[in-house]
Amino acid sequence: TIEFWQITHFDGSPLTTNFPADAFREQIVGAKAANLNLEARTSDGTP
């Protein structure tokens, strides 16, 4: 199953601009190439 979700403001209201998906990917690509830490710990402590 593929589920579809939508990125919004923190309060759930719609964004007035597009989320910079390509820029987000490029940031992750650059961080991986530079061997930077790609881990984040979420609110429940999950890495």
All heavy atoms as atom14 arrays in JSON, in Angstrom:
{
  "sequence": "TIEFWQITHFDGSPLTTNFPADAFREQIVGAKAANLNLEARTSDGTP",
  "atom14_mask": [
    [1, 1, 1, 1, 1, 1, 1, 0, 0, 0, 0, 0, 0, 0],
    [1, 1, 1, 1, 1, 1, 1, 1, 0, 0, 0, 0, 0, 0],
    [1, 1, 1, 1, 1, 1, 1, 1, 1, 0, 0, 0, 0, 0],
    [1, 1, 1, 1, 1, 1, 1, 1, 1, 1, 1, 0, 0, 0],
    [1, 1, 1, 1, 1, 1, 1, 1, 1, 1, 1, 1, 1, 1],
    [1, 1, 1, 1, 1, 1, 1, 1, 1, 0, 0, 0, 0, 0],
    [1, 1, 1, 1, 1, 1, 1, 1, 0, 0, 0, 0, 0, 0],
    [1, 1, 1, 1, 1, 1, 1, 0, 0, 0, 0, 0, 0, 0],
    [1, 1, 1, 1, 1, 1, 1, 1, 1, 1, 0, 0, 0, 0],
    [1, 1, 1, 1, 1, 1, 1, 1, 1, 1, 1, 0, 0, 0],
    [1, 1, 1, 1, 1, 1, 1, 1, 0, 0, 0, 0, 0, 0],
    [1, 1, 1, 1, 0, 0, 0, 0, 0, 0, 0, 0, 0, 0],
    [1, 1, 1, 1, 1, 1, 0, 0, 0, 0, 0, 0, 0, 0],
    [1, 1, 1, 1, 1, 1, 1, 0, 0, 0, 0, 0, 0, 0],
    [1, 1, 1, 1, 1, 1, 1, 1, 0, 0, 0, 0, 0, 0],
    [1, 1, 1, 1, 1, 1, 1, 0, 0, 0, 0, 0, 0, 0],
    [1, 1, 1, 1, 1, 1, 1, 0, 0, 0, 0, 0, 0, 0],
    [1, 1, 1, 1, 1, 1, 1, 1, 0, 0, 0, 0, 0, 0],
    [1, 1, 1, 1, 1, 1, 1, 1, 1, 1, 1, 0, 0, 0],
    [1, 1, 1, 1, 1, 1, 1, 0, 0, 0, 0, 0, 0, 0],
    [1, 1, 1, 1, 1, 0, 0, 0, 0, 0, 0, 0, 0, 0],
    [1, 1, 1, 1, 1, 1, 1, 1, 0, 0, 0, 0, 0, 0],
    [1, 1, 1, 1, 1, 0, 0, 0, 0, 0, 0, 0, 0, 0],
    [1, 1, 1, 1, 1, 1, 1, 1, 1, 1, 1, 0, 0, 0],
    [1, 1, 1, 1, 1, 1, 1, 1, 1, 1, 1, 0, 0, 0],
    [1, 1, 1, 1, 1, 1, 1, 1, 1, 0, 0, 0, 0, 0],
    [1, 1, 1, 1, 1, 1, 1, 1, 1, 0, 0, 0, 0, 0],
    [1, 1, 1, 1, 1, 1, 1, 1, 0, 0, 0, 0, 0, 0],
    [1, 1, 1, 1, 1, 1, 1, 0, 0, 0, 0, 0, 0, 0],
    [1, 1, 1, 1, 0, 0, 0, 0, 0, 0, 0, 0, 0, 0],
    [1, 1, 1, 1, 1, 0, 0, 0, 0, 0, 0, 0, 0, 0],
    [1, 1, 1, 1, 1, 1, 1, 1, 1, 0, 0, 0, 0, 0],
    [1, 1, 1, 1, 1, 0, 0, 0, 0, 0, 0, 0, 0, 0],
    [1, 1, 1, 1, 1, 0, 0, 0, 0, 0, 0, 0, 0, 0],
    [1, 1, 1, 1, 1, 1, 1, 1, 0, 0, 0, 0, 0, 0],
    [1, 1, 1, 1, 1, 1, 1, 1, 0, 0, 0, 0, 0, 0],
    [1, 1, 1, 1, 1, 1, 1, 1, 0, 0, 0, 0, 0, 0],
    [1, 1, 1, 1, 1, 1, 1, 1, 0, 0, 0, 0, 0, 0],
    [1, 1, 1, 1, 1, 1, 1, 1, 1, 0, 0, 0, 0, 0],
    [1, 1, 1, 1, 1, 0, 0, 0, 0, 0, 0, 0, 0, 0],
    [1, 1, 1, 1, 1, 1, 1, 1, 1, 1, 1, 0, 0, 0],
    [1, 1, 1, 1, 1, 1, 1, 0, 0, 0, 0, 0, 0, 0],
    [1, 1, 1, 1, 1, 1, 0, 0, 0, 0, 0, 0, 0, 0],
    [1, 1, 1, 1, 1, 1, 1, 1, 0, 0, 0, 0, 0, 0],
    [1, 1, 1, 1, 0, 0, 0, 0, 0, 0, 0, 0, 0, 0],
    [1, 1, 1, 1, 1, 1, 1, 0, 0, 0, 0, 0, 0, 0],
    [1, 1, 1, 1, 1, 1, 1, 0, 0, 0, 0, 0, 0, 0]
  ],
  "atom14_positions": [
    [[0.83, -1.19, 0.0], [0.0, 0.0, 0.0], [0.87, 1.25, 0.0], [1.77, 1.38, 0.82], [-0.91, 0.02, 1.25], [-1.75, -1.13, 1.23], [-1.77, 1.26, 1.25], [0.0, 0.0, 0.0], [0.0, 0.0, 0.0], [0.0, 0.0, 0.0], [0.0, 0.0, 0.0], [0.0, 0.0, 0.0], [0.0, 0.0, 0.0], [0.0, 0.0, 0.0]],
    [[0.59, 2.14, -0.94], [1.2, 3.46, -0.94], [0.17, 4.44, -0.37], [-0.97, 4.5, -0.84], [1.61, 3.9, -2.35], [2.7, 2.97, -2.88], [2.11, 5.33, -2.35], [3.06, 3.24, -4.31], [0.0, 0.0, 0.0], [0.0, 0.0, 0.0], [0.0, 0.0, 0.0], [0.0, 0.0, 0.0], [0.0, 0.0, 0.0], [0.0, 0.0, 0.0]],
    [[0.56, 5.16, 0.66], [-0.3, 6.17, 1.25], [0.16, 7.55, 0.79], [1.34, 7.81, 0.64], [-0.27, 6.1, 2.77], [-0.95, 4.89, 3.34], [-1.09, 4.98, 4.85], [-0.63, 5.97, 5.45], [-1.64, 4.04, 5.42], [0.0, 0.0, 0.0], [0.0, 0.0, 0.0], [0.0, 0.0, 0.0], [0.0, 0.0, 0.0], [0.0, 0.0, 0.0]],
    [[-0.81, 8.45, 0.59], [-0.51, 9.8, 0.16], [-0.78, 10.78, 1.31], [-1.87, 10.78, 1.88], [-1.34, 10.18, -1.06], [-0.94, 9.44, -2.3], [-1.56, 8.25, -2.65], [0.08, 9.91, -3.11], [-1.18, 7.56, -3.79], [0.46, 9.22, -4.26], [-0.17, 8.05, -4.59], [0.0, 0.0, 0.0], [0.0, 0.0, 0.0], [0.0, 0.0, 0.0]],
    [[0.24, 11.59, 1.62], [0.15, 12.61, 2.66], [0.54, 13.95, 2.05], [1.09, 14.0, 0.96], [1.06, 12.28, 3.83], [0.66, 11.04, 4.59], [0.54, 9.76, 4.11], [0.35, 10.97, 5.98], [0.16, 8.9, 5.11], [0.04, 9.61, 6.28], [0.3, 11.9, 7.01], [-0.3, 9.18, 7.54], [-0.04, 11.47, 8.29], [-0.35, 10.13, 8.55]],
    [[0.27, 15.02, 2.78], [0.59, 16.36, 2.27], [1.33, 17.15, 3.34], [0.93, 17.18, 4.51], [-0.69, 17.09, 1.87], [-0.43, 18.37, 1.1], [-1.69, 18.88, 0.43], [-2.77, 18.82, 1.01], [-1.57, 19.38, -0.8], [0.0, 0.0, 0.0], [0.0, 0.0, 0.0], [0.0, 0.0, 0.0], [0.0, 0.0, 0.0], [0.0, 0.0, 0.0]],
    [[2.42, 17.8, 2.91], [3.2, 18.65, 3.81], [2.46, 19.95, 4.05], [1.95, 20.58, 3.11], [4.59, 18.92, 3.23], [5.35, 17.61, 3.04], [5.39, 19.86, 4.13], [6.68, 17.75, 2.35], [0.0, 0.0, 0.0], [0.0, 0.0, 0.0], [0.0, 0.0, 0.0], [0.0, 0.0, 0.0], [0.0, 0.0, 0.0], [0.0, 0.0, 0.0]],
    [[2.36, 20.37, 5.3], [1.62, 21.57, 5.69], [2.47, 22.4, 6.65], [3.6, 22.04, 6.99], [0.31, 21.19, 6.4], [0.63, 20.53, 7.66], [-0.53, 20.26, 5.54], [0.0, 0.0, 0.0], [0.0, 0.0, 0.0], [0.0, 0.0, 0.0], [0.0, 0.0, 0.0], [0.0, 0.0, 0.0], [0.0, 0.0, 0.0], [0.0, 0.0, 0.0]],
    [[1.9, 23.51, 7.11], [2.48, 24.22, 8.23], [2.35, 23.35, 9.49], [1.6, 22.37, 9.51], [1.8, 25.57, 8.44], [2.12, 26.58, 7.38], [3.38, 27.11, 7.2], [1.33, 27.17, 6.44], [3.38, 27.97, 6.2], [2.14, 28.02, 5.71], [0.0, 0.0, 0.0], [0.0, 0.0, 0.0], [0.0, 0.0, 0.0], [0.0, 0.0, 0.0]],
    [[3.05, 23.75, 10.54], [3.07, 22.96, 11.77], [1.66, 22.78, 12.35], [1.36, 21.75, 12.94], [3.99, 23.62, 12.79], [4.3, 22.76, 13.99], [5.18, 21.69, 13.88], [3.69, 22.99, 15.21], [5.46, 20.88, 14.97], [3.96, 22.18, 16.31], [4.85, 21.13, 16.17], [0.0, 0.0, 0.0], [0.0, 0.0, 0.0], [0.0, 0.0, 0.0]],
    [[0.79, 23.79, 12.16], [-0.57, 23.71, 12.7], [-1.54, 22.99, 11.78], [-2.74, 22.93, 12.05], [-1.09, 25.11, 13.01], [-1.18, 25.99, 11.76], [-0.83, 25.52, 10.66], [-1.61, 27.16, 11.89], [0.0, 0.0, 0.0], [0.0, 0.0, 0.0], [0.0, 0.0, 0.0], [0.0, 0.0, 0.0], [0.0, 0.0, 0.0], [0.0, 0.0, 0.0]],
    [[-1.04, 22.44, 10.66], [-1.89, 21.71, 9.72], [-2.46, 22.55, 8.6], [-3.13, 22.01, 7.71], [0.0, 0.0, 0.0], [0.0, 0.0, 0.0], [0.0, 0.0, 0.0], [0.0, 0.0, 0.0], [0.0, 0.0, 0.0], [0.0, 0.0, 0.0], [0.0, 0.0, 0.0], [0.0, 0.0, 0.0], [0.0, 0.0, 0.0], [0.0, 0.0, 0.0]],
    [[-2.25, 23.85, 8.62], [-2.76, 24.7, 7.55], [-1.92, 24.54, 6.29], [-0.73, 24.23, 6.36], [-2.76, 26.17, 7.99], [-1.43, 26.58, 8.32], [0.0, 0.0, 0.0], [0.0, 0.0, 0.0], [0.0, 0.0, 0.0], [0.0, 0.0, 0.0], [0.0, 0.0, 0.0], [0.0, 0.0, 0.0], [0.0, 0.0, 0.0], [0.0, 0.0, 0.0]],
    [[-2.51, 24.74, 5.1], [-1.79, 24.49, 3.84], [-0.6, 25.43, 3.66], [-0.63, 26.59, 4.1], [-2.86, 24.73, 2.77], [-4.16, 24.61, 3.49], [-3.92, 25.08, 4.88], [0.0, 0.0, 0.0], [0.0, 0.0, 0.0], [0.0, 0.0, 0.0], [0.0, 0.0, 0.0], [0.0, 0.0, 0.0], [0.0, 0.0, 0.0], [0.0, 0.0, 0.0]],
    [[0.44, 24.94, 3.01], [1.57, 25.78, 2.65], [1.18, 26.69, 1.48], [0.43, 26.29, 0.59], [2.76, 24.92, 2.23], [3.43, 24.05, 3.3], [4.58, 23.26, 2.68], [3.94, 24.9, 4.46], [0.0, 0.0, 0.0], [0.0, 0.0, 0.0], [0.0, 0.0, 0.0], [0.0, 0.0, 0.0], [0.0, 0.0, 0.0], [0.0, 0.0, 0.0]],
    [[1.69, 27.9, 1.5], [1.42, 28.83, 0.4], [2.44, 28.69, -0.72], [2.26, 29.23, -1.81], [1.44, 30.27, 0.91], [2.69, 30.53, 1.56], [0.3, 30.5, 1.91], [0.0, 0.0, 0.0], [0.0, 0.0, 0.0], [0.0, 0.0, 0.0], [0.0, 0.0, 0.0], [0.0, 0.0, 0.0], [0.0, 0.0, 0.0], [0.0, 0.0, 0.0]],
    [[3.52, 27.95, -0.46], [4.55, 27.69, -1.47], [4.8, 26.19, -1.53], [4.31, 25.43, -0.68], [5.85, 28.42, -1.13], [6.31, 27.98, 0.16], [5.64, 29.92, -1.1], [0.0, 0.0, 0.0], [0.0, 0.0, 0.0], [0.0, 0.0, 0.0], [0.0, 0.0, 0.0], [0.0, 0.0, 0.0], [0.0, 0.0, 0.0], [0.0, 0.0, 0.0]],
    [[5.58, 25.76, -2.5], [5.91, 24.35, -2.64], [7.09, 23.98, -1.74], [8.06, 24.75, -1.63], [6.26, 24.02, -4.09], [5.04, 24.07, -4.99], [3.93, 23.75, -4.57], [5.24, 24.5, -6.22], [0.0, 0.0, 0.0], [0.0, 0.0, 0.0], [0.0, 0.0, 0.0], [0.0, 0.0, 0.0], [0.0, 0.0, 0.0], [0.0, 0.0, 0.0]],
    [[7.01, 22.82, -1.13], [8.14, 22.32, -0.35], [9.31, 22.08, -1.31], [9.12, 21.45, -2.37], [7.75, 21.01, 0.35], [8.89, 20.37, 1.1], [9.26, 20.84, 2.34], [9.57, 19.29, 0.55], [10.31, 20.26, 3.03], [10.63, 18.7, 1.23], [11.0, 19.19, 2.48], [0.0, 0.0, 0.0], [0.0, 0.0, 0.0], [0.0, 0.0, 0.0]],
    [[10.52, 22.55, -0.97], [11.66, 22.41, -1.89], [12.21, 20.98, -1.89], [13.29, 20.71, -1.36], [12.67, 23.41, -1.32], [12.36, 23.47, 0.14], [10.86, 23.31, 0.24], [0.0, 0.0, 0.0], [0.0, 0.0, 0.0], [0.0, 0.0, 0.0], [0.0, 0.0, 0.0], [0.0, 0.0, 0.0], [0.0, 0.0, 0.0], [0.0, 0.0, 0.0]],
    [[11.48, 20.08, -2.52], [11.84, 18.66, -2.48], [13.21, 18.4, -3.11], [14.01, 17.63, -2.57], [10.77, 17.83, -3.18], [0.0, 0.0, 0.0], [0.0, 0.0, 0.0], [0.0, 0.0, 0.0], [0.0, 0.0, 0.0], [0.0, 0.0, 0.0], [0.0, 0.0, 0.0], [0.0, 0.0, 0.0], [0.0, 0.0, 0.0], [0.0, 0.0, 0.0]],
    [[13.47, 19.03, -4.26], [14.76, 18.8, -4.93], [15.91, 19.32, -4.07], [16.96, 18.68, -3.97], [14.77, 19.47, -6.29], [13.82, 18.79, -7.27], [13.49, 17.61, -7.03], [13.42, 19.44, -8.25], [0.0, 0.0, 0.0], [0.0, 0.0, 0.0], [0.0, 0.0, 0.0], [0.0, 0.0, 0.0], [0.0, 0.0, 0.0], [0.0, 0.0, 0.0]],
    [[15.73, 20.49, -3.47], [16.77, 21.05, -2.61], [16.99, 20.18, -1.38], [18.13, 20.0, -0.93], [16.41, 22.48, -2.21], [0.0, 0.0, 0.0], [0.0, 0.0, 0.0], [0.0, 0.0, 0.0], [0.0, 0.0, 0.0], [0.0, 0.0, 0.0], [0.0, 0.0, 0.0], [0.0, 0.0, 0.0], [0.0, 0.0, 0.0], [0.0, 0.0, 0.0]],
    [[15.89, 19.64, -0.86], [16.0, 18.73, 0.29], [16.84, 17.51, -0.08], [17.74, 17.11, 0.65], [14.6, 18.32, 0.74], [14.58, 17.19, 1.74], [15.0, 17.38, 3.04], [14.13, 15.92, 1.36], [14.97, 16.34, 3.96], [14.11, 14.88, 2.26], [14.52, 15.09, 3.57], [0.0, 0.0, 0.0], [0.0, 0.0, 0.0], [0.0, 0.0, 0.0]],
    [[16.56, 16.94, -1.25], [17.32, 15.78, -1.68], [18.79, 16.14, -1.87], [19.68, 15.37, -1.47], [16.75, 15.23, -2.98], [17.48, 13.97, -3.45], [17.05, 13.53, -4.84], [17.75, 12.32, -5.23], [19.01, 12.29, -5.67], [19.69, 13.43, -5.78], [19.58, 11.15, -5.98], [0.0, 0.0, 0.0], [0.0, 0.0, 0.0], [0.0, 0.0, 0.0]],
    [[19.07, 17.29, -2.46], [20.46, 17.69, -2.69], [21.2, 17.89, -1.37], [22.39, 17.59, -1.26], [20.51, 18.96, -3.54], [20.06, 18.75, -4.97], [20.85, 17.64, -5.66], [22.1, 17.62, -5.52], [20.23, 16.79, -6.32], [0.0, 0.0, 0.0], [0.0, 0.0, 0.0], [0.0, 0.0, 0.0], [0.0, 0.0, 0.0], [0.0, 0.0, 0.0]],
    [[20.5, 18.4, -0.37], [21.12, 18.54, 0.94], [21.51, 17.19, 1.51], [22.59, 17.02, 2.08], [20.15, 19.25, 1.9], [19.94, 20.73, 1.61], [21.02, 21.59, 2.24], [21.9, 21.11, 2.94], [20.97, 22.88, 1.95], [0.0, 0.0, 0.0], [0.0, 0.0, 0.0], [0.0, 0.0, 0.0], [0.0, 0.0, 0.0], [0.0, 0.0, 0.0]],
    [[20.63, 16.21, 1.34], [20.92, 14.86, 1.85], [22.07, 14.24, 1.05], [22.97, 13.6, 1.61], [19.66, 13.98, 1.76], [18.53, 14.56, 2.61], [19.96, 12.56, 2.2], [18.84, 14.64, 4.09], [0.0, 0.0, 0.0], [0.0, 0.0, 0.0], [0.0, 0.0, 0.0], [0.0, 0.0, 0.0], [0.0, 0.0, 0.0], [0.0, 0.0, 0.0]],
    [[22.06, 14.44, -0.27], [23.15, 13.92, -1.11], [24.48, 14.51, -0.69], [25.49, 13.81, -0.55], [22.87, 14.22, -2.6], [24.09, 13.92, -3.45], [21.68, 13.41, -3.09], [0.0, 0.0, 0.0], [0.0, 0.0, 0.0], [0.0, 0.0, 0.0], [0.0, 0.0, 0.0], [0.0, 0.0, 0.0], [0.0, 0.0, 0.0], [0.0, 0.0, 0.0]],
    [[24.51, 15.84, -0.47], [25.75, 16.49, -0.06], [26.23, 16.03, 1.29], [27.44, 15.83, 1.5], [0.0, 0.0, 0.0], [0.0, 0.0, 0.0], [0.0, 0.0, 0.0], [0.0, 0.0, 0.0], [0.0, 0.0, 0.0], [0.0, 0.0, 0.0], [0.0, 0.0, 0.0], [0.0, 0.0, 0.0], [0.0, 0.0, 0.0], [0.0, 0.0, 0.0]],
    [[25.3, 15.85, 2.22], [25.69, 15.39, 3.55], [26.25, 13.98, 3.51], [27.22, 13.66, 4.2], [24.48, 15.46, 4.49], [0.0, 0.0, 0.0], [0.0, 0.0, 0.0], [0.0, 0.0, 0.0], [0.0, 0.0, 0.0], [0.0, 0.0, 0.0], [0.0, 0.0, 0.0], [0.0, 0.0, 0.0], [0.0, 0.0, 0.0], [0.0, 0.0, 0.0]],
    [[25.65, 13.13, 2.68], [26.15, 11.76, 2.56], [27.54, 11.75, 1.94], [28.44, 11.01, 2.38], [25.18, 10.92, 1.73], [25.6, 9.45, 1.63], [24.62, 8.65, 0.78], [25.05, 7.19, 0.69], [24.15, 6.4, -0.18], [0.0, 0.0, 0.0], [0.0, 0.0, 0.0], [0.0, 0.0, 0.0], [0.0, 0.0, 0.0], [0.0, 0.0, 0.0]],
    [[27.74, 12.56, 0.89], [29.04, 12.61, 0.23], [30.13, 13.11, 1.17], [31.3, 12.71, 1.07], [28.96, 13.5, -1.01], [0.0, 0.0, 0.0], [0.0, 0.0, 0.0], [0.0, 0.0, 0.0], [0.0, 0.0, 0.0], [0.0, 0.0, 0.0], [0.0, 0.0, 0.0], [0.0, 0.0, 0.0], [0.0, 0.0, 0.0], [0.0, 0.0, 0.0]],
    [[29.77, 13.99, 2.09], [30.73, 14.55, 3.03], [30.85, 13.71, 4.3], [31.52, 14.13, 5.25], [30.32, 15.98, 3.38], [0.0, 0.0, 0.0], [0.0, 0.0, 0.0], [0.0, 0.0, 0.0], [0.0, 0.0, 0.0], [0.0, 0.0, 0.0], [0.0, 0.0, 0.0], [0.0, 0.0, 0.0], [0.0, 0.0, 0.0], [0.0, 0.0, 0.0]],
    [[30.18, 12.56, 4.31], [30.2, 11.67, 5.48], [29.68, 12.36, 6.74], [30.17, 12.09, 7.84], [31.61, 11.12, 5.71], [32.05, 10.17, 4.62], [31.25, 9.36, 4.14], [33.31, 10.28, 4.22], [0.0, 0.0, 0.0], [0.0, 0.0, 0.0], [0.0, 0.0, 0.0], [0.0, 0.0, 0.0], [0.0, 0.0, 0.0], [0.0, 0.0, 0.0]],
    [[28.72, 13.25, 6.57], [28.11, 13.89, 7.72], [27.05, 12.98, 8.34], [26.57, 12.04, 7.71], [27.47, 15.22, 7.3], [28.43, 16.27, 6.72], [27.66, 17.52, 6.32], [29.53, 16.61, 7.73], [0.0, 0.0, 0.0], [0.0, 0.0, 0.0], [0.0, 0.0, 0.0], [0.0, 0.0, 0.0], [0.0, 0.0, 0.0], [0.0, 0.0, 0.0]],
    [[26.7, 13.27, 9.55], [25.73, 12.45, 10.28], [24.33, 12.66, 9.71], [23.78, 13.77, 9.75], [25.75, 12.82, 11.77], [24.81, 11.94, 12.59], [24.35, 10.9, 12.12], [24.55, 12.35, 13.81], [0.0, 0.0, 0.0], [0.0, 0.0, 0.0], [0.0, 0.0, 0.0], [0.0, 0.0, 0.0], [0.0, 0.0, 0.0], [0.0, 0.0, 0.0]],
    [[23.74, 11.61, 9.18], [22.39, 11.68, 8.61], [21.32, 11.18, 9.57], [20.16, 11.02, 9.2], [22.32, 10.86, 7.32], [23.1, 11.43, 6.12], [23.11, 10.43, 4.97], [22.51, 12.75, 5.69], [0.0, 0.0, 0.0], [0.0, 0.0, 0.0], [0.0, 0.0, 0.0], [0.0, 0.0, 0.0], [0.0, 0.0, 0.0], [0.0, 0.0, 0.0]],
    [[21.69, 10.94, 10.81], [20.75, 10.4, 11.79], [20.06, 11.52, 12.55], [20.65, 12.57, 12.83], [21.48, 9.49, 12.79], [20.58, 8.96, 13.89], [21.36, 8.18, 14.94], [22.2, 7.34, 14.55], [21.13, 8.39, 16.15], [0.0, 0.0, 0.0], [0.0, 0.0, 0.0], [0.0, 0.0, 0.0], [0.0, 0.0, 0.0], [0.0, 0.0, 0.0]],
    [[18.79, 11.31, 12.87], [18.04, 12.19, 13.76], [17.24, 11.31, 14.7], [16.72, 10.26, 14.29], [17.13, 13.12, 12.98], [0.0, 0.0, 0.0], [0.0, 0.0, 0.0], [0.0, 0.0, 0.0], [0.0, 0.0, 0.0], [0.0, 0.0, 0.0], [0.0, 0.0, 0.0], [0.0, 0.0, 0.0], [0.0, 0.0, 0.0], [0.0, 0.0, 0.0]],
    [[17.13, 11.72, 15.95], [16.33, 10.97, 16.93], [14.99, 11.67, 17.1], [14.94, 12.83, 17.49], [17.06, 10.84, 18.26], [18.22, 9.86, 18.18], [18.79, 9.52, 19.53], [19.81, 8.48, 19.39], [19.57, 7.18, 19.52], [18.33, 6.77, 19.79], [20.54, 6.3, 19.39], [0.0, 0.0, 0.0], [0.0, 0.0, 0.0], [0.0, 0.0, 0.0]],
    [[13.92, 10.94, 16.83], [12.59, 11.51, 16.88], [12.1, 11.61, 18.32], [12.8, 11.24, 19.26], [11.62, 10.68, 16.03], [11.61, 9.34, 16.52], [12.07, 10.68, 14.58], [0.0, 0.0, 0.0], [0.0, 0.0, 0.0], [0.0, 0.0, 0.0], [0.0, 0.0, 0.0], [0.0, 0.0, 0.0], [0.0, 0.0, 0.0], [0.0, 0.0, 0.0]],
    [[10.87, 12.1, 18.5], [10.36, 12.4, 19.83], [10.3, 11.19, 20.75], [10.38, 11.33, 21.97], [8.96, 13.02, 19.71], [8.09, 12.15, 19.02], [0.0, 0.0, 0.0], [0.0, 0.0, 0.0], [0.0, 0.0, 0.0], [0.0, 0.0, 0.0], [0.0, 0.0, 0.0], [0.0, 0.0, 0.0], [0.0, 0.0, 0.0], [0.0, 0.0, 0.0]],
    [[10.16, 9.99, 20.19], [10.11, 8.79, 21.01], [11.49, 8.13, 21.16], [11.59, 7.0, 21.65], [9.11, 7.78, 20.44], [9.46, 7.34, 19.02], [10.49, 7.81, 18.48], [8.71, 6.54, 18.45], [0.0, 0.0, 0.0], [0.0, 0.0, 0.0], [0.0, 0.0, 0.0], [0.0, 0.0, 0.0], [0.0, 0.0, 0.0], [0.0, 0.0, 0.0]],
    [[12.53, 8.82, 20.71], [13.88, 8.3, 20.85], [14.34, 7.39, 19.74], [15.44, 6.85, 19.79], [0.0, 0.0, 0.0], [0.0, 0.0, 0.0], [0.0, 0.0, 0.0], [0.0, 0.0, 0.0], [0.0, 0.0, 0.0], [0.0, 0.0, 0.0], [0.0, 0.0, 0.0], [0.0, 0.0, 0.0], [0.0, 0.0, 0.0], [0.0, 0.0, 0.0]],
    [[13.51, 7.21, 18.7], [13.88, 6.33, 17.6], [14.87, 7.01, 16.67], [14.61, 8.12, 16.2], [12.64, 5.95, 16.77], [11.69, 5.31, 17.63], [13.01, 5.0, 15.64], [0.0, 0.0, 0.0], [0.0, 0.0, 0.0], [0.0, 0.0, 0.0], [0.0, 0.0, 0.0], [0.0, 0.0, 0.0], [0.0, 0.0, 0.0], [0.0, 0.0, 0.0]],
    [[16.03, 6.39, 16.39], [16.95, 6.97, 15.4], [16.44, 6.73, 13.98], [15.98, 5.64, 13.65], [18.26, 6.22, 15.66], [17.86, 4.94, 16.3], [16.58, 5.2, 17.04], [0.0, 0.0, 0.0], [0.0, 0.0, 0.0], [0.0, 0.0, 0.0], [0.0, 0.0, 0.0], [0.0, 0.0, 0.0], [0.0, 0.0, 0.0], [0.0, 0.0, 0.0]]
  ]
}
